[in-house]
């Protein structure tokens, strides 16, 4: 298991936003966002991370954190 944890689900919940809404606004597929949300991603493109951060109005460190388990 990776030491990097994706907080996408938490951020969406805090903002009252769905994966489908984020997908439409960020231009990232629901499938790719779901992989991230469920901590199953092996990698993430900078452009994807930037799009997520732009839509959620957050920083990279808000989305990806080190040292937290699922």
Protein backbone atom coordinates (compact mmCIF):
# COMPACT_ATOMS: atom_id res chain seq x y z
CA UNK A 1 0.00 0.00 0.00
CA UNK A 2 1.29 3.44 -0.91
CA UNK A 3 2.04 6.03 1.74
CA UNK A 4 0.34 8.65 -0.48
CA UNK A 5 -3.36 9.11 0.19
CA UNK A 6 -5.76 10.96 -2.10
CA UNK A 7 -8.31 13.08 -0.21
CA UNK A 8 -10.56 13.61 -3.23
CA UNK A 9 -13.60 12.04 -1.59
CA UNK A 10 -13.23 14.22 1.48
CA UNK A 11 -12.79 17.37 -0.59
CA UNK A 12 -15.84 16.59 -2.72
CA UNK A 13 -17.91 15.93 0.39
CA UNK A 14 -16.80 19.20 2.00
CA UNK A 15 -17.87 21.06 -1.15
CA UNK A 16 -21.11 19.16 -1.74
CA UNK A 17 -19.88 18.12 -5.18
CA UNK A 18 -20.21 14.80 -7.02
CA UNK A 19 -17.59 13.00 -9.09
CA UNK A 20 -19.76 13.61 -12.15
CA UNK A 21 -19.82 17.37 -11.50
CA UNK A 22 -16.06 17.47 -10.94
CA UNK A 23 -15.57 15.44 -14.11
CA UNK A 24 -17.62 17.86 -16.19
CA UNK A 25 -15.96 20.95 -14.74
CA UNK A 26 -12.37 19.62 -14.76
CA UNK A 27 -12.48 17.73 -18.05
CA UNK A 28 -11.30 14.52 -16.40
CA UNK A 29 -13.18 11.24 -16.85
CA UNK A 30 -15.33 9.91 -14.02
CA UNK A 31 -13.39 6.64 -14.24
CA UNK A 32 -10.05 8.37 -13.66
CA UNK A 33 -11.47 10.42 -10.80
CA UNK A 34 -12.95 7.30 -9.23
CA UNK A 35 -9.57 5.56 -9.36
CA UNK A 36 -8.05 8.55 -7.55
CA UNK A 37 -10.88 8.81 -5.03
CA UNK A 38 -10.53 5.13 -4.13
CA UNK A 39 -6.74 5.36 -3.67
CA UNK A 40 -6.11 2.94 -6.55
CA UNK A 41 -4.06 5.28 -8.74
CA UNK A 42 -0.42 4.42 -9.40
CA UNK A 43 0.26 7.84 -10.96
CA UNK A 44 -1.43 11.14 -11.75
CA UNK A 45 -0.71 13.60 -14.53
CA UNK A 46 0.17 17.12 -13.43
CA UNK A 47 -2.49 18.44 -15.81
CA UNK A 48 -5.13 16.29 -14.08
CA UNK A 49 -4.01 17.40 -10.65
CA UNK A 50 -4.01 21.03 -11.77
CA UNK A 51 -7.53 20.72 -13.19
CA UNK A 52 -8.81 19.15 -9.96
CA UNK A 53 -7.18 21.88 -7.86
CA UNK A 54 -8.58 24.62 -10.10
CA UNK A 55 -12.15 23.32 -9.78
CA UNK A 56 -11.94 22.58 -6.06
CA UNK A 57 -10.02 25.81 -5.35
CA UNK A 58 -7.35 24.00 -3.38
CA UNK A 59 -3.65 23.19 -3.38
CA UNK A 60 -1.94 19.95 -4.37
CA UNK A 61 -1.22 19.26 -0.69
CA UNK A 62 -4.96 19.36 0.02
CA UNK A 63 -5.56 16.57 -2.50
CA UNK A 64 -2.52 14.36 -1.92
CA UNK A 65 -1.12 13.71 1.54
CA UNK A 66 1.61 11.39 2.78
CA UNK A 67 1.29 9.08 5.75
CA UNK A 68 -2.45 8.57 6.01
CA UNK A 69 -4.00 5.18 5.43
CA UNK A 70 -7.36 4.52 3.87
